[in-house]
Amino acid sequence: MTHVPYKGSAPALTDVIGGHIALLFADPAPALPQIKAGKVRLLGVTSAARLPAAPDIPPLAEEGVPGFDAAGWGMVVAPARTPAAIVSKLHDAFRTVESRSDVRDRLIFLGLTPQTSPPPEALQSFIDAEMVRWGKVVKSAGLAGTE
């Protein structure tokens, strides 16, 4: 395959639909409507688990690529010197919002998988693990810079 850089999923999806490129790793939000409209054919999701918005679409790990698990994630962050009491208050507020069924339903509609946020102190170990995990991929692909 040849990597073709795009300025977002929408123009890349347009080129898949138009037959200008053969395939794309796309975000669920712009891709799911095109899949449902029959304009593109989904080969699988990159997460280890099925998407709540499209439970009939298998993960690539079930489609012949064992162990494949590459799901995007996001975090809400604050400046490093934010007092712990403020971080705790913000975390509690986000936990309240993310537990609302209307918010969870909207996230699923957008093709996301709602999560329950762990405590802020646990997030650093998650980031550290992701850095190690993806650092190995970068190095094995020969993309790592010199140290």
N, C-alpha and C. Protein backbone atom coordinates (compact mmCIF):
# COMPACT_ATOMS: atom_id res chain seq x y z
N MET A 1 0.84 -1.18 0.00
CA MET A 1 0.00 0.00 0.00
C MET A 1 0.88 1.24 0.00
N THR A 2 0.36 2.28 -0.53
CA THR A 2 1.02 3.57 -0.53
C THR A 2 0.24 4.52 0.35
N HIS A 3 0.92 5.16 1.30
CA HIS A 3 0.26 6.13 2.17
C HIS A 3 -0.02 7.40 1.38
N VAL A 4 -1.26 7.87 1.45
CA VAL A 4 -1.65 9.11 0.80
C VAL A 4 -2.17 10.04 1.89
N PRO A 5 -1.42 11.12 2.19
CA PRO A 5 -1.88 12.02 3.24
C PRO A 5 -3.08 12.85 2.80
N TYR A 6 -4.02 13.01 3.73
CA TYR A 6 -5.22 13.82 3.48
C TYR A 6 -5.39 14.79 4.63
N LYS A 7 -6.15 15.84 4.38
CA LYS A 7 -6.46 16.83 5.41
C LYS A 7 -7.77 16.47 6.09
N GLY A 8 -7.92 15.21 6.50
CA GLY A 8 -9.11 14.78 7.22
C GLY A 8 -9.79 13.61 6.56
N SER A 9 -10.73 13.03 7.33
CA SER A 9 -11.45 11.84 6.85
C SER A 9 -12.42 12.15 5.72
N ALA A 10 -13.05 13.31 5.74
CA ALA A 10 -14.07 13.61 4.73
C ALA A 10 -13.50 13.60 3.30
N PRO A 11 -12.40 14.31 3.02
CA PRO A 11 -11.89 14.24 1.66
C PRO A 11 -11.36 12.85 1.29
N ALA A 12 -10.82 12.14 2.26
CA ALA A 12 -10.34 10.78 1.98
C ALA A 12 -11.52 9.86 1.66
N LEU A 13 -12.60 9.99 2.43
CA LEU A 13 -13.80 9.18 2.15
C LEU A 13 -14.36 9.49 0.76
N THR A 14 -14.35 10.76 0.39
CA THR A 14 -14.82 11.15 -0.94
C THR A 14 -14.00 10.44 -2.01
N ASP A 15 -12.69 10.35 -1.80
CA ASP A 15 -11.85 9.67 -2.78
C ASP A 15 -12.01 8.15 -2.78
N VAL A 16 -12.35 7.57 -1.64
CA VAL A 16 -12.67 6.13 -1.62
C VAL A 16 -13.96 5.91 -2.40
N ILE A 17 -14.98 6.71 -2.13
CA ILE A 17 -16.26 6.59 -2.83
C ILE A 17 -16.07 6.77 -4.34
N GLY A 18 -15.20 7.71 -4.71
CA GLY A 18 -14.95 7.98 -6.13
C GLY A 18 -14.00 7.00 -6.79
N GLY A 19 -13.44 6.05 -6.01
CA GLY A 19 -12.54 5.06 -6.59
C GLY A 19 -11.13 5.56 -6.83
N HIS A 20 -10.75 6.70 -6.25
CA HIS A 20 -9.42 7.25 -6.44
C HIS A 20 -8.38 6.61 -5.53
N ILE A 21 -8.82 6.11 -4.37
CA ILE A 21 -7.95 5.33 -3.49
C ILE A 21 -8.71 4.07 -3.10
N ALA A 22 -7.97 3.02 -2.78
CA ALA A 22 -8.59 1.71 -2.57
C ALA A 22 -9.19 1.52 -1.19
N LEU A 23 -8.57 2.11 -0.17
CA LEU A 23 -9.06 1.89 1.18
C LEU A 23 -8.61 3.01 2.09
N LEU A 24 -9.19 3.00 3.30
CA LEU A 24 -8.93 4.07 4.25
C LEU A 24 -9.21 3.56 5.66
N PHE A 25 -8.35 3.93 6.61
CA PHE A 25 -8.65 3.77 8.02
C PHE A 25 -9.37 5.06 8.40
N ALA A 26 -10.69 4.98 8.62
CA ALA A 26 -11.50 6.18 8.84
C ALA A 26 -12.07 6.23 10.25
N ASP A 27 -12.29 7.44 10.72
CA ASP A 27 -12.99 7.62 11.99
C ASP A 27 -14.45 7.21 11.82
N PRO A 28 -15.04 6.65 12.88
CA PRO A 28 -16.43 6.19 12.75
C PRO A 28 -17.44 7.28 12.41
N ALA A 29 -17.31 8.47 13.00
CA ALA A 29 -18.33 9.51 12.81
C ALA A 29 -18.58 9.84 11.33
N PRO A 30 -17.56 10.10 10.52
CA PRO A 30 -17.85 10.38 9.11
C PRO A 30 -18.08 9.12 8.28
N ALA A 31 -17.54 7.98 8.72
CA ALA A 31 -17.63 6.77 7.91
C ALA A 31 -18.96 6.04 8.04
N LEU A 32 -19.53 5.99 9.24
CA LEU A 32 -20.76 5.21 9.44
C LEU A 32 -21.92 5.63 8.54
N PRO A 33 -22.17 6.93 8.33
CA PRO A 33 -23.25 7.29 7.40
C PRO A 33 -22.98 6.80 5.97
N GLN A 34 -21.71 6.83 5.55
CA GLN A 34 -21.37 6.36 4.20
C GLN A 34 -21.53 4.84 4.09
N ILE A 35 -21.22 4.15 5.18
CA ILE A 35 -21.40 2.69 5.21
C ILE A 35 -22.88 2.36 5.13
N LYS A 36 -23.68 3.04 5.98
CA LYS A 36 -25.12 2.78 6.01
C LYS A 36 -25.80 3.13 4.68
N ALA A 37 -25.25 4.12 3.96
CA ALA A 37 -25.79 4.51 2.65
C ALA A 37 -25.32 3.58 1.54
N GLY A 38 -24.43 2.64 1.87
CA GLY A 38 -23.94 1.70 0.87
C GLY A 38 -22.89 2.28 -0.06
N LYS A 39 -22.30 3.41 0.31
CA LYS A 39 -21.30 4.05 -0.54
C LYS A 39 -19.90 3.49 -0.35
N VAL A 40 -19.65 2.92 0.83
CA VAL A 40 -18.37 2.25 1.08
C VAL A 40 -18.65 0.92 1.78
N ARG A 41 -17.73 0.02 1.64
CA ARG A 41 -17.84 -1.30 2.29
C ARG A 41 -16.84 -1.37 3.42
N LEU A 42 -17.33 -1.64 4.59
CA LEU A 42 -16.47 -1.73 5.76
C LEU A 42 -15.84 -3.11 5.83
N LEU A 43 -14.54 -3.14 6.05
CA LEU A 43 -13.83 -4.41 6.17
C LEU A 43 -13.72 -4.88 7.61
N GLY A 44 -13.76 -3.95 8.56
CA GLY A 44 -13.70 -4.28 9.97
C GLY A 44 -13.36 -3.05 10.78
N VAL A 45 -13.61 -3.13 12.07
CA VAL A 45 -13.23 -2.04 12.97
C VAL A 45 -11.86 -2.34 13.56
N THR A 46 -11.12 -1.30 13.90
CA THR A 46 -9.75 -1.50 14.38
C THR A 46 -9.66 -1.79 15.87
N SER A 47 -10.75 -1.56 16.59
CA SER A 47 -10.74 -1.85 18.04
C SER A 47 -10.91 -3.35 18.27
N ALA A 48 -10.51 -3.80 19.45
CA ALA A 48 -10.64 -5.21 19.78
C ALA A 48 -12.11 -5.60 19.97
N ALA A 49 -12.92 -4.63 20.36
CA ALA A 49 -14.35 -4.87 20.58
C ALA A 49 -15.18 -4.23 19.47
N ARG A 50 -16.36 -4.75 19.28
CA ARG A 50 -17.28 -4.18 18.30
C ARG A 50 -17.76 -2.81 18.77
N LEU A 51 -18.09 -1.96 17.82
CA LEU A 51 -18.62 -0.64 18.15
C LEU A 51 -20.09 -0.75 18.52
N PRO A 52 -20.52 -0.08 19.59
CA PRO A 52 -21.94 -0.11 19.94
C PRO A 52 -22.85 0.40 18.81
N ALA A 53 -22.35 1.34 18.00
CA ALA A 53 -23.14 1.90 16.90
C ALA A 53 -23.25 0.95 15.71
N ALA A 54 -22.37 -0.04 15.65
CA ALA A 54 -22.35 -0.96 14.51
C ALA A 54 -21.93 -2.35 14.99
N PRO A 55 -22.73 -2.98 15.84
CA PRO A 55 -22.33 -4.26 16.42
C PRO A 55 -22.21 -5.40 15.41
N ASP A 56 -22.77 -5.21 14.22
CA ASP A 56 -22.67 -6.25 13.19
C ASP A 56 -21.35 -6.22 12.44
N ILE A 57 -20.55 -5.18 12.66
CA ILE A 57 -19.27 -5.06 11.98
C ILE A 57 -18.18 -5.68 12.87
N PRO A 58 -17.49 -6.71 12.37
CA PRO A 58 -16.50 -7.39 13.21
C PRO A 58 -15.20 -6.61 13.35
N PRO A 59 -14.50 -6.80 14.46
CA PRO A 59 -13.15 -6.25 14.59
C PRO A 59 -12.20 -6.96 13.62
N LEU A 60 -11.16 -6.26 13.19
CA LEU A 60 -10.16 -6.88 12.30
C LEU A 60 -9.54 -8.12 12.94
N ALA A 61 -9.47 -8.11 14.28
CA ALA A 61 -8.91 -9.28 14.99
C ALA A 61 -9.74 -10.53 14.73
N GLU A 62 -11.02 -10.37 14.43
CA GLU A 62 -11.88 -11.52 14.10
C GLU A 62 -11.86 -11.84 12.61
N GLU A 63 -11.29 -10.95 11.82
CA GLU A 63 -11.31 -11.10 10.36
C GLU A 63 -9.96 -11.53 9.79
N GLY A 64 -9.12 -12.13 10.62
CA GLY A 64 -7.86 -12.66 10.11
C GLY A 64 -6.62 -11.88 10.50
N VAL A 65 -6.75 -10.89 11.37
CA VAL A 65 -5.59 -10.13 11.85
C VAL A 65 -5.57 -10.25 13.37
N PRO A 66 -5.18 -11.42 13.89
CA PRO A 66 -5.23 -11.67 15.33
C PRO A 66 -4.46 -10.62 16.13
N GLY A 67 -5.04 -10.19 17.23
CA GLY A 67 -4.39 -9.25 18.12
C GLY A 67 -4.48 -7.80 17.69
N PHE A 68 -5.08 -7.52 16.53
CA PHE A 68 -5.16 -6.13 16.08
C PHE A 68 -6.08 -5.35 17.01
N ASP A 69 -5.56 -4.27 17.56
CA ASP A 69 -6.34 -3.42 18.46
C ASP A 69 -5.74 -2.02 18.42
N ALA A 70 -6.35 -1.15 17.64
CA ALA A 70 -5.88 0.23 17.51
C ALA A 70 -7.08 1.15 17.58
N ALA A 71 -7.45 1.50 18.79
CA ALA A 71 -8.60 2.38 18.98
C ALA A 71 -8.14 3.75 19.44
N GLY A 72 -8.77 4.76 18.92
CA GLY A 72 -8.45 6.11 19.35
C GLY A 72 -9.03 6.39 20.73
N TRP A 73 -8.47 7.37 21.39
CA TRP A 73 -8.96 7.76 22.70
C TRP A 73 -8.69 9.25 22.88
N GLY A 74 -9.38 9.84 23.80
CA GLY A 74 -9.18 11.25 24.09
C GLY A 74 -9.25 11.49 25.58
N MET A 75 -8.72 12.61 26.00
CA MET A 75 -8.72 12.97 27.42
C MET A 75 -9.04 14.45 27.54
N VAL A 76 -9.59 14.80 28.68
CA VAL A 76 -9.73 16.20 29.04
C VAL A 76 -8.54 16.50 29.95
N VAL A 77 -7.78 17.54 29.63
CA VAL A 77 -6.59 17.86 30.41
C VAL A 77 -6.66 19.30 30.92
N ALA A 78 -5.88 19.56 31.95
CA ALA A 78 -5.76 20.89 32.53
C ALA A 78 -4.28 21.19 32.70
N PRO A 79 -3.93 22.44 32.91
CA PRO A 79 -2.51 22.77 33.12
C PRO A 79 -1.91 21.94 34.26
N ALA A 80 -0.62 21.63 34.15
CA ALA A 80 0.06 20.76 35.11
C ALA A 80 -0.04 21.24 36.55
N ARG A 81 -0.09 22.50 36.77
CA ARG A 81 -0.11 23.02 38.14
C ARG A 81 -1.52 23.27 38.68
N THR A 82 -2.52 22.72 38.03
CA THR A 82 -3.89 22.87 38.53
C THR A 82 -4.00 22.17 39.88
N PRO A 83 -4.54 22.84 40.89
CA PRO A 83 -4.65 22.22 42.21
C PRO A 83 -5.47 20.92 42.17
N ALA A 84 -5.05 19.96 42.98
CA ALA A 84 -5.71 18.64 43.03
C ALA A 84 -7.20 18.76 43.31
N ALA A 85 -7.59 19.70 44.16
CA ALA A 85 -9.01 19.86 44.48
C ALA A 85 -9.82 20.27 43.25
N ILE A 86 -9.24 21.11 42.39
CA ILE A 86 -9.92 21.53 41.16
C ILE A 86 -9.99 20.36 40.19
N VAL A 87 -8.90 19.61 40.04
CA VAL A 87 -8.88 18.44 39.16
C VAL A 87 -9.96 17.45 39.62
N SER A 88 -10.04 17.21 40.91
CA SER A 88 -11.04 16.29 41.46
C SER A 88 -12.46 16.77 41.17
N LYS A 89 -12.69 18.05 41.34
CA LYS A 89 -14.02 18.61 41.08
C LYS A 89 -14.39 18.49 39.60
N LEU A 90 -13.44 18.79 38.72
CA LEU A 90 -13.68 18.64 37.29
C LEU A 90 -13.94 17.18 36.92
N HIS A 91 -13.13 16.27 37.49
CA HIS A 91 -13.30 14.85 37.22
C HIS A 91 -14.69 14.38 37.64
N ASP A 92 -15.12 14.78 38.82
CA ASP A 92 -16.46 14.41 39.30
C ASP A 92 -17.54 14.93 38.37
N ALA A 93 -17.37 16.16 37.89
CA ALA A 93 -18.36 16.75 36.97
C ALA A 93 -18.42 15.97 35.66
N PHE A 94 -17.25 15.63 35.12
CA PHE A 94 -17.24 14.86 33.87
C PHE A 94 -17.83 13.46 34.07
N ARG A 95 -17.55 12.83 35.21
CA ARG A 95 -18.14 11.52 35.49
C ARG A 95 -19.65 11.61 35.54
N THR A 96 -20.18 12.69 36.12
CA THR A 96 -21.63 12.89 36.17
C THR A 96 -22.20 13.02 34.77
N VAL A 97 -21.55 13.84 33.94
CA VAL A 97 -22.03 14.05 32.57
C VAL A 97 -21.93 12.76 31.76
N GLU A 98 -20.80 12.06 31.85
CA GLU A 98 -20.62 10.86 31.03
C GLU A 98 -21.53 9.72 31.44
N SER A 99 -22.11 9.79 32.63
CA SER A 99 -23.01 8.73 33.07
C SER A 99 -24.45 8.95 32.60
N ARG A 100 -24.73 10.13 32.06
CA ARG A 100 -26.09 10.42 31.59
C ARG A 100 -26.38 9.60 30.33
N SER A 101 -27.56 9.00 30.29
CA SER A 101 -27.90 8.14 29.15
C SER A 101 -27.97 8.92 27.84
N ASP A 102 -28.43 10.18 27.87
CA ASP A 102 -28.50 10.95 26.64
C ASP A 102 -27.11 11.26 26.09
N VAL A 103 -26.15 11.48 26.97
CA VAL A 103 -24.77 11.72 26.54
C VAL A 103 -24.18 10.44 25.97
N ARG A 104 -24.37 9.33 26.66
CA ARG A 104 -23.85 8.04 26.18
C ARG A 104 -24.47 7.67 24.84
N ASP A 105 -25.79 7.90 24.69
CA ASP A 105 -26.46 7.61 23.42
C ASP A 105 -25.90 8.46 22.29
N ARG A 106 -25.59 9.72 22.57
CA ARG A 106 -25.04 10.60 21.55
C ARG A 106 -23.63 10.14 21.14
N LEU A 107 -22.83 9.74 22.12
CA LEU A 107 -21.50 9.24 21.81
C LEU A 107 -21.58 7.99 20.93
N ILE A 108 -22.50 7.10 21.25
CA ILE A 108 -22.69 5.90 20.44
C ILE A 108 -23.14 6.28 19.03
N PHE A 109 -24.06 7.21 18.92
CA PHE A 109 -24.54 7.68 17.61
C PHE A 109 -23.37 8.18 16.77
N LEU A 110 -22.40 8.83 17.40
CA LEU A 110 -21.23 9.35 16.70
C LEU A 110 -20.19 8.28 16.37
N GLY A 111 -20.47 7.03 16.78
CA GLY A 111 -19.55 5.94 16.49
C GLY A 111 -18.50 5.73 17.56
N LEU A 112 -18.68 6.35 18.70
CA LEU A 112 -17.72 6.22 19.79
C LEU A 112 -18.17 5.14 20.77
N THR A 113 -17.27 4.70 21.60
CA THR A 113 -17.58 3.73 22.63
C THR A 113 -17.46 4.44 23.97
N PRO A 114 -18.58 4.73 24.62
CA PRO A 114 -18.52 5.44 25.90
C PRO A 114 -17.71 4.66 26.93
N GLN A 115 -16.94 5.39 27.70
CA GLN A 115 -16.11 4.81 28.75
C GLN A 115 -16.44 5.48 30.07
N THR A 116 -16.07 4.85 31.15
CA THR A 116 -16.14 5.48 32.46
C THR A 116 -14.73 5.92 32.81
N SER A 117 -14.57 7.21 33.01
CA SER A 117 -13.25 7.76 33.25
C SER A 117 -12.65 7.22 34.54
N PRO A 118 -11.42 6.72 34.45
CA PRO A 118 -10.73 6.30 35.69
C PRO A 118 -10.30 7.53 36.47
N PRO A 119 -9.86 7.36 37.70
CA PRO A 119 -9.38 8.50 38.48
C PRO A 119 -8.20 9.17 37.76
N PRO A 120 -8.06 10.49 37.92
CA PRO A 120 -6.98 11.20 37.21
C PRO A 120 -5.59 10.60 37.43
N GLU A 121 -5.32 10.12 38.64
CA GLU A 121 -3.98 9.57 38.89
C GLU A 121 -3.72 8.28 38.09
N ALA A 122 -4.76 7.60 37.65
CA ALA A 122 -4.59 6.38 36.84
C ALA A 122 -4.32 6.71 35.38
N LEU A 123 -4.65 7.90 34.95
CA LEU A 123 -4.48 8.25 33.55
C LEU A 123 -3.01 8.32 33.14
N GLN A 124 -2.15 8.74 34.04
CA GLN A 124 -0.73 8.81 33.68
C GLN A 124 -0.17 7.43 33.36
N SER A 125 -0.57 6.41 34.11
CA SER A 125 -0.07 5.06 33.81
C SER A 125 -0.62 4.58 32.46
N PHE A 126 -1.85 4.98 32.12
CA PHE A 126 -2.42 4.65 30.81
C PHE A 126 -1.58 5.30 29.70
N ILE A 127 -1.28 6.58 29.87
CA ILE A 127 -0.48 7.28 28.86
C ILE A 127 0.90 6.64 28.74
N ASP A 128 1.53 6.32 29.87
CA ASP A 128 2.84 5.67 29.84
C ASP A 128 2.79 4.36 29.07
N ALA A 129 1.76 3.56 29.31
CA ALA A 129 1.61 2.27 28.62
C ALA A 129 1.41 2.48 27.12
N GLU A 130 0.62 3.48 26.75
CA GLU A 130 0.40 3.78 25.33
C GLU A 130 1.70 4.24 24.66
N MET A 131 2.51 5.02 25.37
CA MET A 131 3.79 5.48 24.82
C MET A 131 4.71 4.27 24.54
N VAL A 132 4.74 3.33 25.45
CA VAL A 132 5.56 2.13 25.26
C VAL A 132 5.00 1.31 24.10
N ARG A 133 3.69 1.09 24.12
CA ARG A 133 3.04 0.28 23.08
C ARG A 133 3.29 0.84 21.68
N TRP A 134 2.99 2.12 21.48
CA TRP A 134 3.12 2.71 20.16
C TRP A 134 4.56 3.06 19.82
N GLY A 135 5.39 3.26 20.84
CA GLY A 135 6.82 3.47 20.59
C GLY A 135 7.43 2.25 19.90
N LYS A 136 7.02 1.06 20.33
CA LYS A 136 7.51 -0.17 19.70
C LYS A 136 7.09 -0.24 18.23
N VAL A 137 5.87 0.18 17.94
CA VAL A 137 5.37 0.17 16.56
C VAL A 137 6.18 1.15 15.71
N VAL A 138 6.41 2.34 16.24
CA VAL A 138 7.18 3.36 15.52
C VAL A 138 8.59 2.85 15.23
N LYS A 139 9.23 2.26 16.23
CA LYS A 139 10.60 1.76 16.04
C LYS A 139 10.64 0.60 15.05
N SER A 140 9.69 -0.33 15.15
CA SER A 140 9.70 -1.49 14.25
C SER A 140 9.41 -1.09 12.81
N ALA A 141 8.72 0.05 12.64
CA ALA A 141 8.45 0.54 11.29
C ALA A 141 9.60 1.38 10.74
N GLY A 142 10.63 1.56 11.57
CA GLY A 142 11.78 2.35 11.14
C GLY A 142 11.51 3.85 11.12
N LEU A 143 10.54 4.30 11.92
CA LEU A 143 10.17 5.71 11.92
C LEU A 143 10.76 6.48 13.07
N ALA A 144 11.43 5.78 13.99
CA ALA A 144 11.98 6.44 15.17
C ALA A 144 13.16 7.32 14.79
N GLY A 145 13.22 8.52 15.38
CA GLY A 145 14.36 9.41 15.16
C GLY A 145 15.54 8.96 15.99
N THR A 146 16.61 9.65 15.85
CA THR A 146 17.78 9.31 16.65
C THR A 146 17.62 9.86 18.06
N GLU A 147 18.17 9.17 19.00
CA GLU A 147 18.06 9.58 20.41
C GLU A 147 19.29 10.29 20.87
